[in-house]
Amino acid sequence: MLILVINCGSSSAKYQLFDIKKNKSVAKGIVEKIGEKGAVCKDHYQAIGIIRDRLLRDRKKILKDINELKGIGHRVVHGGEEFNKAVFIDKKVLRSIESASELAPLHNPPSLAGIKACKRYFSGIPQVAVFDTAFHQTMPAHSYIYGIPFDFYKKYKIRRYGFHGTSHWFVAGEAARILKKPLRKLKIITVHLGNGCSMTAVLKGKSVDTSMGFTPLEGLIMGTRSGDIDPAIVTFLMEKNKLSAEKVAEILNKKSGLLGISGLSNDMRDIICGMKKGNKRAKLAFDIFVYKIKKYIGAYQAVMGGADAVVLTGGIGENVPVLKNRLSNELRSALGAKTKFMIVPTNEELLIARDTYGLIK
């Protein structure tokens, strides 16, 4: 049974074709630089057409006819408060994704374009939306309500939403499988570390707290994002440097984090290389990165009353063993010998394929 997974970004469209009965990816690729000057692809409609043609013309002849597809799963970043699981896409769901675009203006509109394009190029194939925010909808109100006037929540839905939900859910399940214990009986801290970073407290299979908030800017320091800061810094910078809100947002999202601290790079490989060469700011960036993770691990241990496992995933989490070694060594006395430190490769696309298949089945 073939399931196609589509992940549309602002200027790209990734795809993977899964033989879901075998839990196996049989084809994948990406269309890049969508809409950019000189690019072969002017918009996401055209990108989806290119993907369809690639799949039908693949030399392996895995897909001979589009009707062999049993479903298409779309990664959608923001589902607001409305969606706590994968759903079939209909007109009502499309309207909801569009209304949530206000909360994710860089992410939801490309997803909408990809969905609409698939309706044209893969007519008649069931489509499913899988939301990054859905897994975190189990958080209690005391985890997601901010300490600002409650009217702002009621009027504008300002609250903690959390992101990377498909990754956190996938690796929590894989950790339970590796530990040979039911997920509903475990306390797991999942740590997704890439250019974007987030952590989640997973108690008995449910997200009870997560580090990213109203936007993906909150929480850990990341490649170019600041993570947690005193909100007064924003108004201070605006007044001191006569900066606009847009300019401050650009600084916090694109010029901060590992890049801003090190002055070297947002890439952890460059940071580690700089450390080895004696670059003090590179070492400082790495030390702060580790320190913030340790703080959140301690907080989530307190929230759940312990932790059976700390699970590292994502580009940094999976490929920087020095990070796992340092965390496990420095936290061993605090967490105890029973807490396992694990590296589990994430596979968000496979989870989206499984969720899509689950609905169709």
Protein backbone atom coordinates (compact mmCIF):
# COMPACT_ATOMS: atom_id res chain seq x y z
CA MET A 1 0.00 0.00 0.00
CA LEU A 2 1.52 3.30 -1.13
CA ILE A 3 1.19 6.51 0.89
CA LEU A 4 2.67 9.81 -0.31
CA VAL A 5 3.85 12.36 2.27
CA ILE A 6 4.14 16.03 1.27
CA ASN A 7 5.94 18.70 3.32
CA CYS A 8 5.70 22.18 1.79
CA GLY A 9 7.95 24.93 3.12
CA SER A 10 8.06 28.57 2.10
CA SER A 11 10.35 27.85 -0.86
CA SER A 12 10.46 24.06 -1.07
CA ALA A 13 8.33 20.95 -1.35
CA LYS A 14 9.69 17.68 0.07
CA TYR A 15 8.09 14.34 -0.65
CA GLN A 16 8.43 10.71 0.36
CA LEU A 17 6.58 7.68 -0.97
CA PHE A 18 6.07 4.87 1.55
CA ASP A 19 5.14 1.25 1.19
CA ILE A 20 3.34 1.42 4.51
CA LYS A 21 2.84 -2.34 4.91
CA LYS A 22 6.64 -2.72 4.84
CA ASN A 23 7.28 0.48 6.86
CA LYS A 24 9.65 1.42 4.06
CA SER A 25 10.40 4.60 2.07
CA VAL A 26 10.56 3.68 -1.62
CA ALA A 27 11.12 7.13 -3.17
CA LYS A 28 11.86 10.65 -1.96
CA GLY A 29 13.03 14.02 -3.14
CA ILE A 30 12.65 17.78 -2.95
CA VAL A 31 11.73 20.67 -5.22
CA GLU A 32 13.72 23.73 -4.10
CA LYS A 33 13.90 27.49 -4.66
CA ILE A 34 10.20 27.75 -5.42
CA GLY A 35 9.32 31.24 -6.59
CA GLU A 36 12.92 32.46 -6.49
CA LYS A 37 14.50 34.39 -9.35
CA GLY A 38 15.72 32.07 -12.07
CA ALA A 39 14.08 28.98 -10.52
CA VAL A 40 12.35 26.43 -12.74
CA CYS A 41 9.37 26.34 -10.41
CA LYS A 42 7.30 29.49 -9.90
CA ASP A 43 4.86 28.26 -7.21
CA HIS A 44 3.76 25.25 -5.15
CA TYR A 45 1.14 24.24 -7.72
CA GLN A 46 3.90 23.74 -10.26
CA ALA A 47 6.08 22.00 -7.66
CA ILE A 48 3.42 19.38 -6.95
CA GLY A 49 3.08 18.80 -10.69
CA ILE A 50 6.83 18.19 -10.88
CA ILE A 51 6.60 15.72 -7.97
CA ARG A 52 3.79 13.80 -9.70
CA ASP A 53 5.82 13.59 -12.91
CA ARG A 54 8.92 12.42 -11.03
CA LEU A 55 7.00 9.63 -9.31
CA LEU A 56 5.38 8.40 -12.52
CA ARG A 57 8.66 8.53 -14.45
CA ASP A 58 10.85 7.01 -11.74
CA ARG A 59 13.07 4.36 -13.32
CA LYS A 60 12.11 1.87 -10.59
CA LYS A 61 8.48 2.09 -11.80
CA ILE A 62 7.23 1.94 -8.21
CA LEU A 63 4.23 4.10 -9.09
CA LYS A 64 2.76 3.29 -12.50
CA ASP A 65 -0.53 5.11 -12.03
CA ILE A 66 -1.61 7.77 -9.51
CA ASN A 67 -4.58 5.59 -8.51
CA GLU A 68 -2.10 3.19 -6.90
CA LEU A 69 -1.75 5.83 -4.19
CA LYS A 70 -4.05 5.08 -1.28
CA GLY A 71 -3.57 8.43 0.44
CA ILE A 72 -1.57 11.64 0.71
CA GLY A 73 -0.44 12.92 4.10
CA HIS A 74 0.45 16.60 4.51
CA ARG A 75 2.62 18.05 7.26
CA VAL A 76 0.84 21.18 8.50
CA VAL A 77 2.69 23.23 11.11
CA HIS A 78 -0.19 24.92 12.92
CA GLY A 79 -3.63 23.55 13.74
CA GLY A 80 -4.43 26.02 16.52
CA GLU A 81 -6.60 24.58 19.28
CA GLU A 82 -8.91 22.82 16.87
CA PHE A 83 -6.93 19.69 15.97
CA ASN A 84 -5.48 17.13 18.36
CA LYS A 85 -5.02 14.37 15.77
CA ALA A 86 -4.72 13.75 12.05
CA VAL A 87 -7.86 14.52 10.01
CA PHE A 88 -9.19 14.01 6.51
CA ILE A 89 -8.98 17.27 4.59
CA ASP A 90 -12.32 18.79 3.57
CA LYS A 91 -13.52 22.36 3.04
CA LYS A 92 -13.95 22.95 6.78
CA VAL A 93 -10.40 21.76 7.53
CA LEU A 94 -9.03 23.96 4.74
CA ARG A 95 -10.75 26.98 6.28
CA SER A 96 -9.28 26.12 9.69
CA ILE A 97 -5.76 25.79 8.29
CA GLU A 98 -6.21 29.13 6.57
CA SER A 99 -7.42 30.83 9.75
CA ALA A 100 -4.41 29.42 11.66
CA SER A 101 -2.14 31.06 9.05
CA GLU A 102 -2.26 34.18 11.20
CA LEU A 103 -0.33 32.20 13.82
CA ALA A 104 2.07 30.61 11.30
CA PRO A 105 2.30 33.01 8.33
CA LEU A 106 5.47 31.43 6.94
CA HIS A 107 4.32 27.81 7.21
CA ASN A 108 0.57 27.31 6.79
CA PRO A 109 0.10 29.14 3.45
CA PRO A 110 2.61 26.85 1.62
CA SER A 111 0.87 23.81 3.13
CA LEU A 112 -2.48 25.11 1.87
CA ALA A 113 -1.03 25.62 -1.59
CA GLY A 114 0.36 22.08 -1.57
CA ILE A 115 -2.98 20.61 -0.49
CA LYS A 116 -4.89 22.47 -3.19
CA ALA A 117 -2.32 21.46 -5.81
CA CYS A 118 -2.64 17.80 -4.79
CA LYS A 119 -6.41 18.03 -5.28
CA ARG A 120 -5.65 19.03 -8.87
CA TYR A 121 -2.79 16.65 -9.68
CA PHE A 122 -3.90 13.65 -7.57
CA SER A 123 -7.64 14.00 -8.02
CA GLY A 124 -9.71 11.50 -6.06
CA ILE A 125 -6.88 10.42 -3.71
CA PRO A 126 -7.81 10.92 0.00
CA GLN A 127 -5.78 13.67 1.68
CA VAL A 128 -4.92 13.88 5.37
CA ALA A 129 -3.51 16.75 7.46
CA VAL A 130 -1.06 15.91 10.27
CA PHE A 131 -0.35 18.90 12.52
CA ASP A 132 2.90 19.75 14.34
CA THR A 133 0.84 21.25 17.16
CA ALA A 134 -1.61 18.34 17.58
CA PHE A 135 0.50 16.23 19.97
CA HIS A 136 0.75 19.13 22.42
CA GLN A 137 -3.01 19.63 22.69
CA THR A 138 -2.97 17.32 25.74
CA MET A 139 -1.12 19.95 27.80
CA PRO A 140 -3.11 21.15 30.82
CA ALA A 141 -4.12 24.82 31.00
CA HIS A 142 -1.52 25.57 33.66
CA SER A 143 1.16 24.55 31.09
CA TYR A 144 -0.08 26.58 28.15
CA ILE A 145 -1.60 29.77 29.62
CA TYR A 146 0.81 32.72 29.86
CA GLY A 147 0.94 35.18 32.75
CA ILE A 148 -0.64 38.00 30.77
CA PRO A 149 -4.26 39.29 30.89
CA PHE A 150 -6.55 36.34 30.21
CA ASP A 151 -8.52 38.39 27.71
CA PHE A 152 -5.58 38.13 25.30
CA TYR A 153 -6.02 34.36 25.30
CA LYS A 154 -9.76 34.60 24.79
CA LYS A 155 -9.52 37.25 22.07
CA TYR A 156 -6.33 36.33 20.20
CA LYS A 157 -5.67 32.74 21.34
CA ILE A 158 -2.26 33.71 22.71
CA ARG A 159 -1.03 30.57 24.47
CA ARG A 160 1.69 27.94 24.32
CA TYR A 161 1.13 25.70 21.30
CA GLY A 162 4.41 23.85 20.92
CA PHE A 163 5.87 22.48 17.70
CA HIS A 164 7.87 19.49 16.39
CA GLY A 165 4.96 17.40 17.69
CA THR A 166 5.28 14.62 15.12
CA SER A 167 8.97 14.20 15.97
CA HIS A 168 8.39 14.14 19.75
CA TRP A 169 5.54 11.63 19.38
CA PHE A 170 7.53 9.38 17.04
CA VAL A 171 10.71 9.17 19.14
CA ALA A 172 8.76 8.72 22.39
CA GLY A 173 7.08 5.69 20.83
CA GLU A 174 10.38 4.34 19.52
CA ALA A 175 12.00 4.80 22.94
CA ALA A 176 9.20 2.80 24.56
CA ARG A 177 9.71 0.05 21.97
CA ILE A 178 13.46 -0.03 22.66
CA LEU A 179 12.87 -0.08 26.43
CA LYS A 180 10.29 -2.86 25.91
CA LYS A 181 7.74 -1.06 28.06
CA PRO A 182 4.29 0.39 27.28
CA LEU A 183 4.48 4.12 26.52
CA ARG A 184 1.53 4.69 28.88
CA LYS A 185 3.73 3.58 31.79
CA LEU A 186 6.75 5.77 31.02
CA LYS A 187 8.03 9.26 31.80
CA ILE A 188 10.09 10.43 28.83
CA ILE A 189 11.85 13.72 28.04
CA THR A 190 12.23 14.11 24.28
CA VAL A 191 14.90 16.51 22.99
CA HIS A 192 14.64 17.53 19.32
CA LEU A 193 17.83 19.35 18.34
CA GLY A 194 18.38 20.76 14.86
CA ASN A 195 18.51 24.30 13.55
CA GLY A 196 15.24 24.55 15.47
CA CYS A 197 15.26 22.98 18.95
CA SER A 198 12.52 21.94 21.36
CA MET A 199 11.91 19.63 24.30
CA THR A 200 8.79 17.88 25.55
CA ALA A 201 7.75 16.20 28.79
CA VAL A 202 5.88 13.05 27.71
CA LEU A 203 3.97 11.56 30.64
CA LYS A 204 2.21 8.25 29.98
CA GLY A 205 2.25 8.94 26.25
CA LYS A 206 0.93 12.49 26.45
CA SER A 207 2.63 15.86 26.09
CA VAL A 208 2.26 17.72 29.40
CA ASP A 209 4.73 20.54 28.67
CA THR A 210 6.95 21.67 25.82
CA SER A 211 9.59 24.35 25.38
CA MET A 212 8.39 26.12 22.23
CA GLY A 213 5.45 28.42 22.85
CA PHE A 214 3.13 30.76 20.97
CA THR A 215 5.77 30.65 18.24
CA PRO A 216 8.87 28.47 17.68
CA LEU A 217 11.03 31.27 19.11
CA GLU A 218 10.58 30.33 22.77
CA GLY A 219 12.62 27.78 24.70
CA LEU A 220 16.13 26.51 23.97
CA ILE A 221 18.69 28.56 22.08
CA MET A 222 18.76 27.36 18.48
CA GLY A 223 20.75 27.89 15.31
CA THR A 224 19.62 31.48 14.82
CA ARG A 225 16.78 31.84 17.36
CA SER A 226 17.32 33.33 20.80
CA GLY A 227 15.07 31.03 22.83
CA ASP A 228 13.95 32.33 26.25
CA ILE A 229 14.78 35.96 26.97
CA ASP A 230 13.44 38.69 29.26
CA PRO A 231 10.59 40.30 27.24
CA ALA A 232 11.78 43.73 28.38
CA ILE A 233 14.85 43.27 26.16
CA VAL A 234 12.57 43.80 23.15
CA THR A 235 11.34 47.24 24.22
CA PHE A 236 14.82 48.17 25.48
CA LEU A 237 16.36 47.45 22.07
CA MET A 238 13.54 49.26 20.28
CA GLU A 239 14.10 52.38 22.37
CA LYS A 240 17.93 52.31 22.41
CA ASN A 241 18.49 51.58 18.72
CA LYS A 242 15.24 53.02 17.33
CA LEU A 243 14.34 49.60 15.95
CA SER A 244 10.97 48.59 14.57
CA ALA A 245 9.12 45.53 15.89
CA GLU A 246 9.86 43.83 12.57
CA LYS A 247 13.59 44.47 12.93
CA VAL A 248 13.72 43.12 16.49
CA ALA A 249 11.82 40.02 15.37
CA GLU A 250 14.42 39.54 12.62
CA ILE A 251 17.26 39.81 15.16
CA LEU A 252 15.66 37.30 17.55
CA ASN A 253 14.74 34.81 14.82
CA LYS A 254 17.58 35.07 12.33
CA LYS A 255 20.63 36.62 14.02
CA SER A 256 20.63 35.14 17.53
CA GLY A 257 21.19 31.68 19.02
CA LEU A 258 24.41 29.84 18.17
CA LEU A 259 25.12 32.31 15.36
CA GLY A 260 24.64 35.40 17.51
CA ILE A 261 26.68 34.13 20.45
CA SER A 262 29.56 32.59 18.52
CA GLY A 263 29.71 35.14 15.71
CA LEU A 264 30.85 32.12 13.71
CA SER A 265 27.96 29.98 12.48
CA ASN A 266 24.53 28.55 13.24
CA ASP A 267 25.84 25.08 12.34
CA MET A 268 26.83 22.93 15.32
CA ARG A 269 29.58 21.28 13.27
CA ASP A 270 31.25 24.67 12.82
CA ILE A 271 30.78 25.45 16.53
CA ILE A 272 32.53 22.24 17.58
CA CYS A 273 35.30 22.80 15.04
CA GLY A 274 35.76 26.32 16.44
CA MET A 275 35.93 24.95 19.99
CA LYS A 276 38.69 22.54 18.99
CA LYS A 277 40.64 25.47 17.55
CA GLY A 278 40.32 27.39 20.82
CA ASN A 279 37.56 29.80 19.76
CA LYS A 280 36.22 31.05 23.12
CA ARG A 281 32.90 32.32 21.77
CA ALA A 282 32.26 29.02 20.04
CA LYS A 283 32.83 27.26 23.37
CA LEU A 284 30.55 29.75 25.11
CA ALA A 285 27.79 29.09 22.55
CA PHE A 286 28.11 25.33 23.10
CA ASP A 287 28.17 25.70 26.89
CA ILE A 288 24.99 27.83 26.85
CA PHE A 289 23.33 25.35 24.47
CA VAL A 290 24.05 22.46 26.86
CA TYR A 291 23.13 24.49 29.95
CA LYS A 292 19.65 25.36 28.63
CA ILE A 293 18.96 21.70 27.82
CA LYS A 294 20.03 20.72 31.35
CA LYS A 295 17.68 23.33 32.86
CA TYR A 296 14.71 22.01 30.91
CA ILE A 297 15.54 18.40 31.75
CA GLY A 298 15.56 19.34 35.43
CA ALA A 299 12.28 21.21 35.10
CA TYR A 300 10.55 18.35 33.26
CA GLN A 301 11.85 15.82 35.75
CA ALA A 302 10.15 17.88 38.45
CA VAL A 303 6.94 18.20 36.41
CA MET A 304 6.65 14.43 35.87
CA GLY A 305 8.13 13.26 39.16
CA GLY A 306 11.13 11.63 37.51
CA ALA A 307 12.23 10.47 34.07
CA ASP A 308 12.68 6.97 32.71
CA ALA A 309 14.50 8.22 29.62
CA VAL A 310 16.00 11.31 27.99
CA VAL A 311 15.77 10.88 24.21
CA LEU A 312 17.93 12.94 21.85
CA THR A 313 16.91 13.30 18.21
CA GLY A 314 17.19 15.65 15.22
CA GLY A 315 20.30 16.61 13.22
CA ILE A 316 22.29 17.67 16.31
CA GLY A 317 20.78 15.20 18.75
CA GLU A 318 21.53 12.23 16.49
CA ASN A 319 24.96 13.24 15.21
CA VAL A 320 26.83 14.97 18.06
CA PRO A 321 27.74 12.17 20.53
CA VAL A 322 29.77 14.58 22.67
CA LEU A 323 26.48 16.24 23.58
CA LYS A 324 24.88 13.01 24.83
CA ASN A 325 28.03 12.10 26.76
CA ARG A 326 28.23 15.49 28.43
CA LEU A 327 24.55 15.55 29.38
CA SER A 328 24.57 12.01 30.76
CA ASN A 329 27.77 12.62 32.72
CA GLU A 330 26.68 15.97 34.19
CA LEU A 331 23.12 14.87 35.01
CA ARG A 332 23.76 11.34 36.24
CA SER A 333 23.81 12.24 39.93
CA ALA A 334 20.68 14.40 39.59
CA LEU A 335 18.62 11.93 37.54
CA GLY A 336 19.89 8.65 38.94
CA ALA A 337 21.16 5.49 37.29
CA LYS A 338 17.69 4.35 36.18
CA THR A 339 17.27 7.20 33.67
CA LYS A 340 18.40 6.07 30.24
CA PHE A 341 20.05 8.55 27.86
CA MET A 342 19.17 7.51 24.32
CA ILE A 343 19.69 8.64 20.74
CA VAL A 344 16.67 7.80 18.58
CA PRO A 345 16.57 8.92 14.92
CA THR A 346 13.37 10.80 14.16
CA ASN A 347 11.19 9.99 11.17
CA GLU A 348 8.35 12.49 11.00
CA GLU A 349 7.44 11.50 7.46
CA LEU A 350 6.93 7.85 8.47
CA LEU A 351 4.67 8.94 11.32
CA ILE A 352 2.64 11.11 8.91
CA ALA A 353 2.36 8.12 6.56
CA ARG A 354 1.22 5.88 9.45
CA ASP A 355 -1.38 8.43 10.59
CA THR A 356 -2.64 8.77 7.03
CA TYR A 357 -2.89 5.03 6.61
CA GLY A 358 -4.58 4.70 9.99
CA LEU A 359 -7.38 7.06 8.95
CA ILE A 360 -7.85 5.40 5.55
CA LYS A 361 -7.86 1.92 7.07
